[in-house]
């Protein structure tokens, strides 16, 4: 099981990856709040997706977030590290992703 600090760092690493992808692929028209809930730790994070970037990562849940991701700490690290495919993780219920269907289509471009 990963630690809260490792999960926080994984989200920062994801933000850095998205920043480099935005530079390479252009901006994505998506402005949404995001909640990342860690199921095996007493932890959650909130952030904002804006123009294909992950911004304002903070500790704490956002129950009103438009996009909610729930997973274990190890699965979060594996997703960000590229060792776990998001589509397969969702299909196998290792990851739960809740969002508007149109937002999910846009998110596919990010991941």
PDB file of N, CA and C in Angstrom:
ATOM      1  N   UNK A   1       0.851  -1.174   0.000  1.00  0.00           N
ATOM      2  CA  UNK A   1       0.000   0.000   0.000  1.00  0.00           C
ATOM      3  C   UNK A   1       0.902   1.243   0.000  1.00  0.00           C
ATOM      4  N   UNK A   2       0.589   2.162  -0.878  1.00  0.00           N
ATOM      5  CA  UNK A   2       1.338   3.409  -0.977  1.00  0.00           C
ATOM      6  C   UNK A   2       0.899   4.370   0.128  1.00  0.00           C
ATOM      7  N   UNK A   3       1.694   5.384   0.345  1.00  0.00           N
ATOM      8  CA  UNK A   3       1.389   6.372   1.373  1.00  0.00           C
ATOM      9  C   UNK A   3       0.629   7.553   0.773  1.00  0.00           C
ATOM     10  N   UNK A   4       0.094   8.381   1.642  1.00  0.00           N
ATOM     11  CA  UNK A   4      -0.601   9.592   1.194  1.00  0.00           C
ATOM     12  C   UNK A   4       0.369  10.489   0.431  1.00  0.00           C
ATOM     13  N   UNK A   5       1.600  10.607   0.925  1.00  0.00           N
ATOM     14  CA  UNK A   5       2.597  11.442   0.238  1.00  0.00           C
ATOM     15  C   UNK A   5       2.919  10.910  -1.153  1.00  0.00           C
ATOM     16  N   UNK A   6       2.991   9.598  -1.302  1.00  0.00           N
ATOM     17  CA  UNK A   6       3.248   9.013  -2.621  1.00  0.00           C
ATOM     18  C   UNK A   6       2.076   9.277  -3.568  1.00  0.00           C
ATOM     19  N   UNK A   7       0.859   9.224  -3.064  1.00  0.00           N
ATOM     20  CA  UNK A   7      -0.322   9.525  -3.886  1.00  0.00           C
ATOM     21  C   UNK A   7      -0.314  10.995  -4.311  1.00  0.00           C
ATOM     22  N   UNK A   8       0.005  11.876  -3.375  1.00  0.00           N
ATOM     23  CA  UNK A   8       0.081  13.306  -3.686  1.00  0.00           C
ATOM     24  C   UNK A   8       1.135  13.550  -4.768  1.00  0.00           C
ATOM     25  N   UNK A   9       2.284  12.895  -4.642  1.00  0.00           N
ATOM     26  CA  UNK A   9       3.350  13.046  -5.635  1.00  0.00           C
ATOM     27  C   UNK A   9       2.919  12.477  -6.985  1.00  0.00           C
ATOM     28  N   UNK A  10       2.181  11.380  -6.976  1.00  0.00           N
ATOM     29  CA  UNK A  10       1.693  10.801  -8.229  1.00  0.00           C
ATOM     30  C   UNK A  10       0.791  11.784  -8.965  1.00  0.00           C
ATOM     31  N   UNK A  11      -0.066  12.488  -8.237  1.00  0.00           N
ATOM     32  CA  UNK A  11      -0.929  13.489  -8.882  1.00  0.00           C
ATOM     33  C   UNK A  11      -0.108  14.648  -9.425  1.00  0.00           C
ATOM     34  N   UNK A  12       0.934  15.033  -8.721  1.00  0.00           N
ATOM     35  CA  UNK A  12       1.825  16.092  -9.231  1.00  0.00           C
ATOM     36  C   UNK A  12       2.555  15.616 -10.479  1.00  0.00           C
ATOM     37  N   UNK A  13       2.962  14.346 -10.495  1.00  0.00           N
ATOM     38  CA  UNK A  13       3.601  13.780 -11.680  1.00  0.00           C
ATOM     39  C   UNK A  13       2.632  13.744 -12.854  1.00  0.00           C
ATOM     40  N   UNK A  14       1.380  13.402 -12.575  1.00  0.00           N
ATOM     41  CA  UNK A  14       0.362  13.405 -13.627  1.00  0.00           C
ATOM     42  C   UNK A  14       0.175  14.812 -14.176  1.00  0.00           C
ATOM     43  N   UNK A  15       0.159  15.802 -13.297  1.00  0.00           N
ATOM     44  CA  UNK A  15       0.029  17.191 -13.740  1.00  0.00           C
ATOM     45  C   UNK A  15       1.179  17.563 -14.662  1.00  0.00           C
ATOM     46  N   UNK A  16       2.388  17.143 -14.335  1.00  0.00           N
ATOM     47  CA  UNK A  16       3.554  17.432 -15.179  1.00  0.00           C
ATOM     48  C   UNK A  16       3.430  16.748 -16.541  1.00  0.00           C
ATOM     49  N   UNK A  17       2.945  15.505 -16.557  1.00  0.00           N
ATOM     50  CA  UNK A  17       2.748  14.788 -17.816  1.00  0.00           C
ATOM     51  C   UNK A  17       1.708  15.490 -18.685  1.00  0.00           C
ATOM     52  N   UNK A  18       0.622  15.924 -18.054  1.00  0.00           N
ATOM     53  CA  UNK A  18      -0.425  16.609 -18.805  1.00  0.00           C
ATOM     54  C   UNK A  18       0.086  17.935 -19.355  1.00  0.00           C
ATOM     55  N   UNK A  19       0.915  18.629 -18.592  1.00  0.00           N
ATOM     56  CA  UNK A  19       1.507  19.879 -19.077  1.00  0.00           C
ATOM     57  C   UNK A  19       2.321  19.649 -20.341  1.00  0.00           C
ATOM     58  N   UNK A  20       3.135  18.611 -20.357  1.00  0.00           N
ATOM     59  CA  UNK A  20       3.948  18.342 -21.545  1.00  0.00           C
ATOM     60  C   UNK A  20       3.080  17.885 -22.710  1.00  0.00           C
ATOM     61  N   UNK A  21       1.997  17.157 -22.430  1.00  0.00           N
ATOM     62  CA  UNK A  21       1.088  16.721 -23.499  1.00  0.00           C
ATOM     63  C   UNK A  21       0.346  17.901 -24.103  1.00  0.00           C
ATOM     64  N   UNK A  22      -0.014  18.883 -23.270  1.00  0.00           N
ATOM     65  CA  UNK A  22      -0.710  20.065 -23.780  1.00  0.00           C
ATOM     66  C   UNK A  22       0.188  20.813 -24.755  1.00  0.00           C
ATOM     67  N   UNK A  23       1.458  20.919 -24.413  1.00  0.00           N
ATOM     68  CA  UNK A  23       2.400  21.598 -25.298  1.00  0.00           C
ATOM     69  C   UNK A  23       2.514  20.868 -26.630  1.00  0.00           C
ATOM     70  N   UNK A  24       2.493  19.539 -26.595  1.00  0.00           N
ATOM     71  CA  UNK A  24       2.662  18.749 -27.806  1.00  0.00           C
ATOM     72  C   UNK A  24       1.376  18.639 -28.626  1.00  0.00           C
ATOM     73  N   UNK A  25       0.213  18.544 -27.958  1.00  0.00           N
ATOM     74  CA  UNK A  25      -1.030  18.255 -28.660  1.00  0.00           C
ATOM     75  C   UNK A  25      -1.986  19.430 -28.763  1.00  0.00           C
ATOM     76  N   UNK A  26      -1.728  20.501 -28.089  1.00  0.00           N
ATOM     77  CA  UNK A  26      -2.653  21.631 -28.107  1.00  0.00           C
ATOM     78  C   UNK A  26      -3.621  21.561 -26.945  1.00  0.00           C
ATOM     79  N   UNK A  27      -4.345  22.626 -26.750  1.00  0.00           N
ATOM     80  CA  UNK A  27      -5.247  22.746 -25.602  1.00  0.00           C
ATOM     81  C   UNK A  27      -6.514  21.907 -25.793  1.00  0.00           C
ATOM     82  N   UNK A  28      -7.039  21.443 -24.686  1.00  0.00           N
ATOM     83  CA  UNK A  28      -8.291  20.694 -24.660  1.00  0.00           C
ATOM     84  C   UNK A  28      -9.339  21.565 -23.992  1.00  0.00           C
ATOM     85  N   UNK A  29     -10.473  21.712 -24.625  1.00  0.00           N
ATOM     86  CA  UNK A  29     -11.540  22.555 -24.091  1.00  0.00           C
ATOM     87  C   UNK A  29     -12.302  21.800 -23.014  1.00  0.00           C
ATOM     88  N   UNK A  30     -11.788  21.852 -21.791  1.00  0.00           N
ATOM     89  CA  UNK A  30     -12.428  21.160 -20.679  1.00  0.00           C
ATOM     90  C   UNK A  30     -12.109  21.907 -19.392  1.00  0.00           C
ATOM     91  N   UNK A  31     -13.129  22.415 -18.748  1.00  0.00           N
ATOM     92  CA  UNK A  31     -12.998  23.124 -17.475  1.00  0.00           C
ATOM     93  C   UNK A  31     -13.868  22.397 -16.455  1.00  0.00           C
ATOM     94  N   UNK A  32     -13.234  21.578 -15.604  1.00  0.00           N
ATOM     95  CA  UNK A  32     -14.000  20.788 -14.652  1.00  0.00           C
ATOM     96  C   UNK A  32     -13.247  20.666 -13.329  1.00  0.00           C
ATOM     97  N   UNK A  33     -14.012  20.470 -12.264  1.00  0.00           N
ATOM     98  CA  UNK A  33     -13.422  20.143 -10.971  1.00  0.00           C
ATOM     99  C   UNK A  33     -13.230  18.638 -10.905  1.00  0.00           C
ATOM    100  N   UNK A  34     -12.226  18.215 -10.141  1.00  0.00           N
ATOM    101  CA  UNK A  34     -11.868  16.813 -10.066  1.00  0.00           C
ATOM    102  C   UNK A  34     -11.677  16.408  -8.614  1.00  0.00           C
ATOM    103  N   UNK A  35     -12.172  15.227  -8.273  1.00  0.00           N
ATOM    104  CA  UNK A  35     -11.926  14.624  -6.961  1.00  0.00           C
ATOM    105  C   UNK A  35     -11.246  13.289  -7.197  1.00  0.00           C
ATOM    106  N   UNK A  36     -10.205  13.026  -6.428  1.00  0.00           N
ATOM    107  CA  UNK A  36      -9.501  11.750  -6.482  1.00  0.00           C
ATOM    108  C   UNK A  36      -9.586  11.149  -5.093  1.00  0.00           C
ATOM    109  N   UNK A  37     -10.319  10.065  -4.992  1.00  0.00           N
ATOM    110  CA  UNK A  37     -10.554   9.424  -3.695  1.00  0.00           C
ATOM    111  C   UNK A  37      -9.738   8.139  -3.603  1.00  0.00           C
ATOM    112  N   UNK A  38      -8.941   8.038  -2.564  1.00  0.00           N
ATOM    113  CA  UNK A  38      -8.081   6.876  -2.359  1.00  0.00           C
ATOM    114  C   UNK A  38      -8.815   5.922  -1.414  1.00  0.00           C
ATOM    115  N   UNK A  39      -9.167   4.756  -1.932  1.00  0.00           N
ATOM    116  CA  UNK A  39     -10.069   3.859  -1.211  1.00  0.00           C
ATOM    117  C   UNK A  39      -9.420   3.115  -0.051  1.00  0.00           C
ATOM    118  N   UNK A  40      -8.110   2.925  -0.081  1.00  0.00           N
ATOM    119  CA  UNK A  40      -7.458   2.168   0.993  1.00  0.00           C
ATOM    120  C   UNK A  40      -6.709   3.059   1.992  1.00  0.00           C
ATOM    121  N   UNK A  41      -6.862   4.352   1.858  1.00  0.00           N
ATOM    122  CA  UNK A  41      -6.264   5.311   2.782  1.00  0.00           C
ATOM    123  C   UNK A  41      -7.322   6.333   3.180  1.00  0.00           C
ATOM    124  N   UNK A  42      -7.169   6.932   4.329  1.00  0.00           N
ATOM    125  CA  UNK A  42      -8.100   8.011   4.683  1.00  0.00           C
ATOM    126  C   UNK A  42      -7.662   9.303   3.991  1.00  0.00           C
ATOM    127  N   UNK A  43      -7.720   9.301   2.646  1.00  0.00           N
ATOM    128  CA  UNK A  43      -7.214  10.440   1.891  1.00  0.00           C
ATOM    129  C   UNK A  43      -8.046  10.674   0.644  1.00  0.00           C
ATOM    130  N   UNK A  44      -8.099  11.923   0.267  1.00  0.00           N
ATOM    131  CA  UNK A  44      -8.719  12.337  -0.986  1.00  0.00           C
ATOM    132  C   UNK A  44      -8.028  13.619  -1.411  1.00  0.00           C
ATOM    133  N   UNK A  45      -8.082  13.891  -2.699  1.00  0.00           N
ATOM    134  CA  UNK A  45      -7.474  15.089  -3.253  1.00  0.00           C
ATOM    135  C   UNK A  45      -8.468  15.762  -4.183  1.00  0.00           C
ATOM    136  N   UNK A  46      -8.330  17.031  -4.329  1.00  0.00           N
ATOM    137  CA  UNK A  46      -9.160  17.763  -5.276  1.00  0.00           C
ATOM    138  C   UNK A  46      -8.244  18.576  -6.177  1.00  0.00           C
ATOM    139  N   UNK A  47      -8.745  18.876  -7.354  1.00  0.00           N
ATOM    140  CA  UNK A  47      -7.975  19.640  -8.333  1.00  0.00           C
ATOM    141  C   UNK A  47      -8.936  20.223  -9.348  1.00  0.00           C
ATOM    142  N   UNK A  48      -8.360  20.876 -10.320  1.00  0.00           N
ATOM    143  CA  UNK A  48      -9.143  21.490 -11.383  1.00  0.00           C
ATOM    144  C   UNK A  48      -8.494  21.134 -12.707  1.00  0.00           C
ATOM    145  N   UNK A  49      -9.299  20.658 -13.666  1.00  0.00           N
ATOM    146  CA  UNK A  49      -8.837  20.434 -15.032  1.00  0.00           C
ATOM    147  C   UNK A  49      -9.178  21.674 -15.833  1.00  0.00           C
ATOM    148  N   UNK A  50      -8.181  22.243 -16.450  1.00  0.00           N
ATOM    149  CA  UNK A  50      -8.397  23.465 -17.227  1.00  0.00           C
ATOM    150  C   UNK A  50      -7.498  23.434 -18.457  1.00  0.00           C
ATOM    151  N   UNK A  51      -8.113  23.412 -19.626  1.00  0.00           N
ATOM    152  CA  UNK A  51      -7.345  23.439 -20.859  1.00  0.00           C
ATOM    153  C   UNK A  51      -6.374  22.286 -21.005  1.00  0.00           C
ATOM    154  N   UNK A  52      -6.735  21.115 -20.470  1.00  0.00           N
ATOM    155  CA  UNK A  52      -5.866  19.958 -20.568  1.00  0.00           C
ATOM    156  C   UNK A  52      -4.810  19.888 -19.487  1.00  0.00           C
ATOM    157  N   UNK A  53      -4.852  20.806 -18.544  1.00  0.00           N
ATOM    158  CA  UNK A  53      -3.882  20.828 -17.441  1.00  0.00           C
ATOM    159  C   UNK A  53      -4.579  20.477 -16.127  1.00  0.00           C
ATOM    160  N   UNK A  54      -3.836  19.864 -15.224  1.00  0.00           N
ATOM    161  CA  UNK A  54      -4.313  19.555 -13.886  1.00  0.00           C
ATOM    162  C   UNK A  54      -3.729  20.603 -12.949  1.00  0.00           C
ATOM    163  N   UNK A  55      -4.592  21.414 -12.369  1.00  0.00           N
ATOM    164  CA  UNK A  55      -4.153  22.570 -11.586  1.00  0.00           C
ATOM    165  C   UNK A  55      -4.708  22.531 -10.168  1.00  0.00           C
ATOM    166  N   UNK A  56      -4.092  23.278  -9.291  1.00  0.00           N
ATOM    167  CA  UNK A  56      -4.591  23.500  -7.926  1.00  0.00           C
ATOM    168  C   UNK A  56      -4.839  22.199  -7.158  1.00  0.00           C
ATOM    169  N   UNK A  57      -3.882  21.281  -7.198  1.00  0.00           N
ATOM    170  CA  UNK A  57      -4.005  20.020  -6.471  1.00  0.00           C
ATOM    171  C   UNK A  57      -3.943  20.322  -4.975  1.00  0.00           C
ATOM    172  N   UNK A  58      -4.940  19.834  -4.256  1.00  0.00           N
ATOM    173  CA  UNK A  58      -5.014  20.097  -2.812  1.00  0.00           C
ATOM    174  C   UNK A  58      -5.508  18.857  -2.085  1.00  0.00           C
ATOM    175  N   UNK A  59      -5.153  18.757  -0.820  1.00  0.00           N
ATOM    176  CA  UNK A  59      -5.676  17.680   0.015  1.00  0.00           C
ATOM    177  C   UNK A  59      -7.146  17.943   0.300  1.00  0.00           C
ATOM    178  N   UNK A  60      -7.920  16.878   0.393  1.00  0.00           N
ATOM    179  CA  UNK A  60      -9.336  17.002   0.725  1.00  0.00           C
ATOM    180  C   UNK A  60     -10.225  16.675  -0.449  1.00  0.00           C
ATOM    181  N   UNK A  61     -11.377  16.134  -0.127  1.00  0.00           N
ATOM    182  CA  UNK A  61     -12.362  15.733  -1.123  1.00  0.00           C
ATOM    183  C   UNK A  61     -13.164  16.943  -1.590  1.00  0.00           C
ATOM    184  N   UNK A  62     -13.718  16.831  -2.776  1.00  0.00           N
ATOM    185  CA  UNK A  62     -14.662  17.814  -3.287  1.00  0.00           C
ATOM    186  C   UNK A  62     -15.920  17.042  -3.686  1.00  0.00           C
ATOM    187  N   UNK A  63     -16.915  16.965  -2.799  1.00  0.00           N
ATOM    188  CA  UNK A  63     -18.108  16.163  -3.103  1.00  0.00           C
ATOM    189  C   UNK A  63     -18.908  16.697  -4.288  1.00  0.00           C
ATOM    190  N   UNK A  64     -18.670  17.934  -4.682  1.00  0.00           N
ATOM    191  CA  UNK A  64     -19.396  18.514  -5.816  1.00  0.00           C
ATOM    192  C   UNK A  64     -18.588  18.465  -7.112  1.00  0.00           C
ATOM    193  N   UNK A  65     -17.473  17.746  -7.112  1.00  0.00           N
ATOM    194  CA  UNK A  65     -16.614  17.666  -8.295  1.00  0.00           C
ATOM    195  C   UNK A  65     -17.377  17.066  -9.473  1.00  0.00           C
ATOM    196  N   UNK A  66     -17.144  17.593 -10.639  1.00  0.00           N
ATOM    197  CA  UNK A  66     -17.806  17.107 -11.855  1.00  0.00           C
ATOM    198  C   UNK A  66     -17.211  15.787 -12.337  1.00  0.00           C
ATOM    199  N   UNK A  67     -15.938  15.522 -11.971  1.00  0.00           N
ATOM    200  CA  UNK A  67     -15.275  14.277 -12.324  1.00  0.00           C
ATOM    201  C   UNK A  67     -14.727  13.678 -11.035  1.00  0.00           C
ATOM    202  N   UNK A  68     -15.051  12.412 -10.781  1.00  0.00           N
ATOM    203  CA  UNK A  68     -14.586  11.744  -9.563  1.00  0.00           C
ATOM    204  C   UNK A  68     -13.901  10.434  -9.936  1.00  0.00           C
ATOM    205  N   UNK A  69     -12.686  10.271  -9.439  1.00  0.00           N
ATOM    206  CA  UNK A  69     -11.917   9.057  -9.645  1.00  0.00           C
ATOM    207  C   UNK A  69     -11.701   8.417  -8.285  1.00  0.00           C
ATOM    208  N   UNK A  70     -12.035   7.132  -8.180  1.00  0.00           N
ATOM    209  CA  UNK A  70     -11.824   6.385  -6.934  1.00  0.00           C
ATOM    210  C   UNK A  70     -10.994   5.160  -7.257  1.00  0.00           C
ATOM    211  N   UNK A  71      -9.938   4.957  -6.481  1.00  0.00           N
ATOM    212  CA  UNK A  71      -9.072   3.806  -6.676  1.00  0.00           C
ATOM    213  C   UNK A  71      -8.193   3.610  -5.449  1.00  0.00           C
ATOM    214  N   UNK A  72      -7.491   2.497  -5.412  1.00  0.00           N
ATOM    215  CA  UNK A  72      -6.552   2.257  -4.313  1.00  0.00           C
ATOM    216  C   UNK A  72      -5.275   3.051  -4.552  1.00  0.00           C
ATOM    217  N   UNK A  73      -4.501   3.191  -3.513  1.00  0.00           N
ATOM    218  CA  UNK A  73      -3.250   3.945  -3.616  1.00  0.00           C
ATOM    219  C   UNK A  73      -2.291   3.288  -4.612  1.00  0.00           C
ATOM    220  N   UNK A  74      -2.160   1.982  -4.562  1.00  0.00           N
ATOM    221  CA  UNK A  74      -1.258   1.292  -5.488  1.00  0.00           C
ATOM    222  C   UNK A  74      -1.719   1.424  -6.933  1.00  0.00           C
ATOM    223  N   UNK A  75      -3.021   1.354  -7.162  1.00  0.00           N
ATOM    224  CA  UNK A  75      -3.536   1.501  -8.522  1.00  0.00           C
ATOM    225  C   UNK A  75      -3.320   2.920  -9.045  1.00  0.00           C
ATOM    226  N   UNK A  76      -3.431   3.922  -8.182  1.00  0.00           N
ATOM    227  CA  UNK A  76      -3.166   5.294  -8.607  1.00  0.00           C
ATOM    228  C   UNK A  76      -1.725   5.425  -9.079  1.00  0.00           C
ATOM    229  N   UNK A  77      -0.785   4.902  -8.299  1.00  0.00           N
ATOM    230  CA  UNK A  77       0.621   4.964  -8.686  1.00  0.00           C
ATOM    231  C   UNK A  77       0.878   4.202  -9.986  1.00  0.00           C
ATOM    232  N   UNK A  78       0.222   3.057 -10.147  1.00  0.00           N
ATOM    233  CA  UNK A  78       0.389   2.269 -11.369  1.00  0.00           C
ATOM    234  C   UNK A  78      -0.199   2.993 -12.583  1.00  0.00           C
ATOM    235  N   UNK A  79      -1.347   3.646 -12.420  1.00  0.00           N
ATOM    236  CA  UNK A  79      -1.950   4.411 -13.515  1.00  0.00           C
ATOM    237  C   UNK A  79      -1.021   5.527 -13.973  1.00  0.00           C
ATOM    238  N   UNK A  80      -0.563   6.310 -13.023  1.00  0.00           N
ATOM    239  CA  UNK A  80       0.288   7.448 -13.354  1.00  0.00           C
ATOM    240  C   UNK A  80       1.628   6.973 -13.915  1.00  0.00           C
ATOM    241  N   UNK A  81       2.135   5.863 -13.389  1.00  0.00           N
ATOM    242  CA  UNK A  81       3.410   5.324 -13.853  1.00  0.00           C
ATOM    243  C   UNK A  81       3.335   4.581 -15.176  1.00  0.00           C
ATOM    244  N   UNK A  82       2.117   4.416 -15.720  1.00  0.00           N
ATOM    245  CA  UNK A  82       1.964   3.745 -17.007  1.00  0.00           C
ATOM    246  C   UNK A  82       1.954   2.226 -16.927  1.00  0.00           C
ATOM    247  N   UNK A  83       1.883   1.671 -15.716  1.00  0.00           N
ATOM    248  CA  UNK A  83       1.871   0.222 -15.547  1.00  0.00           C
ATOM    249  C   UNK A  83       0.456  -0.355 -15.538  1.00  0.00           C
ATOM    250  N   UNK A  84      -0.550   0.508 -15.506  1.00  0.00           N
ATOM    251  CA  UNK A  84      -1.949   0.077 -15.486  1.00  0.00           C
ATOM    252  C   UNK A  84      -2.716   0.911 -16.503  1.00  0.00           C
ATOM    253  N   UNK A  85      -3.373   0.219 -17.431  1.00  0.00           N
ATOM    254  CA  UNK A  85      -4.171   0.882 -18.464  1.00  0.00           C
ATOM    255  C   UNK A  85      -5.512   1.305 -17.876  1.00  0.00           C
ATOM    256  N   UNK A  86      -5.889   2.571 -18.090  1.00  0.00           N
ATOM    257  CA  UNK A  86      -7.108   3.102 -17.497  1.00  0.00           C
ATOM    258  C   UNK A  86      -8.352   2.340 -17.951  1.00  0.00           C
ATOM    259  N   UNK A  87      -8.478   2.065 -19.236  1.00  0.00           N
ATOM    260  CA  UNK A  87      -9.671   1.368 -19.734  1.00  0.00           C
ATOM    261  C   UNK A  87      -9.795  -0.024 -19.113  1.00  0.00           C
ATOM    262  N   UNK A  88      -8.692  -0.727 -19.017  1.00  0.00           N
ATOM    263  CA  UNK A  88      -8.722  -2.061 -18.408  1.00  0.00           C
ATOM    264  C   UNK A  88      -9.004  -1.972 -16.915  1.00  0.00           C
ATOM    265  N   UNK A  89      -8.457  -0.953 -16.273  1.00  0.00           N
ATOM    266  CA  UNK A  89      -8.680  -0.779 -14.834  1.00  0.00           C
ATOM    267  C   UNK A  89     -10.151  -0.485 -14.544  1.00  0.00           C
ATOM    268  N   UNK A  90     -10.784   0.291 -15.400  1.00  0.00           N
ATOM    269  CA  UNK A  90     -12.210   0.583 -15.231  1.00  0.00           C
ATOM    270  C   UNK A  90     -13.028  -0.689 -15.491  1.00  0.00           C
ATOM    271  N   UNK A  91     -12.672  -1.409 -16.552  1.00  0.00           N
ATOM    272  CA  UNK A  91     -13.406  -2.634 -16.891  1.00  0.00           C
ATOM    273  C   UNK A  91     -13.286  -3.688 -15.792  1.00  0.00           C
ATOM    274  N   UNK A  92     -12.138  -3.747 -15.129  1.00  0.00           N
ATOM    275  CA  UNK A  92     -11.930  -4.732 -14.066  1.00  0.00           C
ATOM    276  C   UNK A  92     -12.308  -4.189 -12.686  1.00  0.00           C
ATOM    277  N   UNK A  93     -12.851  -3.002 -12.662  1.00  0.00           N
ATOM    278  CA  UNK A  93     -13.320  -2.346 -11.435  1.00  0.00           C
ATOM    279  C   UNK A  93     -12.211  -2.040 -10.431  1.00  0.00           C
ATOM    280  N   UNK A  94     -11.008  -1.878 -10.945  1.00  0.00           N
ATOM    281  CA  UNK A  94      -9.906  -1.424 -10.097  1.00  0.00           C
ATOM    282  C   UNK A  94      -9.979   0.084  -9.912  1.00  0.00           C
ATOM    283  N   UNK A  95     -10.635   0.735 -10.856  1.00  0.00           N
ATOM    284  CA  UNK A  95     -10.802   2.183 -10.855  1.00  0.00           C
ATOM    285  C   UNK A  95     -12.258   2.495 -11.151  1.00  0.00           C
ATOM    286  N   UNK A  96     -12.795   3.453 -10.429  1.00  0.00           N
ATOM    287  CA  UNK A  96     -14.135   3.947 -10.698  1.00  0.00           C
ATOM    288  C   UNK A  96     -14.000   5.400 -11.162  1.00  0.00           C
ATOM    289  N   UNK A  97     -14.584   5.707 -12.306  1.00  0.00           N
ATOM    290  CA  UNK A  97     -14.534   7.061 -12.854  1.00  0.00           C
ATOM    291  C   UNK A  97     -15.954   7.526 -13.111  1.00  0.00           C
ATOM    292  N   UNK A  98     -16.334   8.598 -12.457  1.00  0.00           N
ATOM    293  CA  UNK A  98     -17.676   9.134 -12.584  1.00  0.00           C
ATOM    294  C   UNK A  98     -17.599  10.508 -13.232  1.00  0.00           C
ATOM    295  N   UNK A  99     -18.265  10.638 -14.369  1.00  0.00           N
ATOM    296  CA  UNK A  99     -18.266  11.910 -15.096  1.00  0.00           C
ATOM    297  C   UNK A  99     -19.377  11.893 -16.130  1.00  0.00           C
ATOM    298  N   UNK A 100     -19.698  13.054 -16.624  1.00  0.00           N
ATOM    299  CA  UNK A 100     -20.632  13.203 -17.716  1.00  0.00           C
ATOM    300  C   UNK A 100     -20.076  12.435 -18.925  1.00  0.00           C
ATOM    301  N   UNK A 101     -20.904  11.718 -19.694  1.00  0.00           N
ATOM    302  CA  UNK A 101     -20.397  10.957 -20.844  1.00  0.00           C
ATOM    303  C   UNK A 101     -19.608  11.808 -21.839  1.00  0.00           C
ATOM    304  N   UNK A 102     -19.996  13.045 -22.045  1.00  0.00           N
ATOM    305  CA  UNK A 102     -19.268  13.915 -22.967  1.00  0.00           C
ATOM    306  C   UNK A 102     -17.886  14.262 -22.404  1.00  0.00           C
ATOM    307  N   UNK A 103     -17.817  14.425 -21.089  1.00  0.00           N
ATOM    308  CA  UNK A 103     -16.527  14.683 -20.445  1.00  0.00           C
ATOM    309  C   UNK A 103     -15.614  13.473 -20.570  1.00  0.00           C
ATOM    310  N   UNK A 104     -16.180  12.269 -20.450  1.00  0.00           N
ATOM    311  CA  UNK A 104     -15.377  11.056 -20.588  1.00  0.00           C
ATOM    312  C   UNK A 104     -14.742  10.976 -21.972  1.00  0.00           C
ATOM    313  N   UNK A 105     -15.494  11.363 -22.997  1.00  0.00           N
ATOM    314  CA  UNK A 105     -14.942  11.362 -24.352  1.00  0.00           C
ATOM    315  C   UNK A 105     -13.775  12.341 -24.464  1.00  0.00           C
ATOM    316  N   UNK A 106     -13.910  13.496 -23.853  1.00  0.00           N
ATOM    317  CA  UNK A 106     -12.823  14.474 -23.877  1.00  0.00           C
ATOM    318  C   UNK A 106     -11.630  13.999 -23.060  1.00  0.00           C
ATOM    319  N   UNK A 107     -11.905  13.343 -21.919  1.00  0.00           N
ATOM    320  CA  UNK A 107     -10.822  12.855 -21.062  1.00  0.00           C
ATOM    321  C   UNK A 107      -9.984  11.787 -21.766  1.00  0.00           C
ATOM    322  N   UNK A 108     -10.591  11.040 -22.659  1.00  0.00           N
ATOM    323  CA  UNK A 108      -9.848  10.015 -23.408  1.00  0.00           C
ATOM    324  C   UNK A 108      -8.635  10.614 -24.098  1.00  0.00           C
ATOM    325  N   UNK A 109      -8.779  11.851 -24.563  1.00  0.00           N
ATOM    326  CA  UNK A 109      -7.667  12.510 -25.257  1.00  0.00           C
ATOM    327  C   UNK A 109      -6.506  12.785 -24.308  1.00  0.00           C
ATOM    328  N   UNK A 110      -6.809  12.993 -23.029  1.00  0.00           N
ATOM    329  CA  UNK A 110      -5.758  13.278 -22.055  1.00  0.00           C
ATOM    330  C   UNK A 110      -4.999  12.020 -21.674  1.00  0.00           C
ATOM    331  N   UNK A 111      -5.706  10.904 -21.603  1.00  0.00           N
ATOM    332  CA  UNK A 111      -5.110   9.686 -21.086  1.00  0.00           C
ATOM    333  C   UNK A 111      -4.843   8.755 -22.223  1.00  0.00           C
TER     334      UNK A 111
END
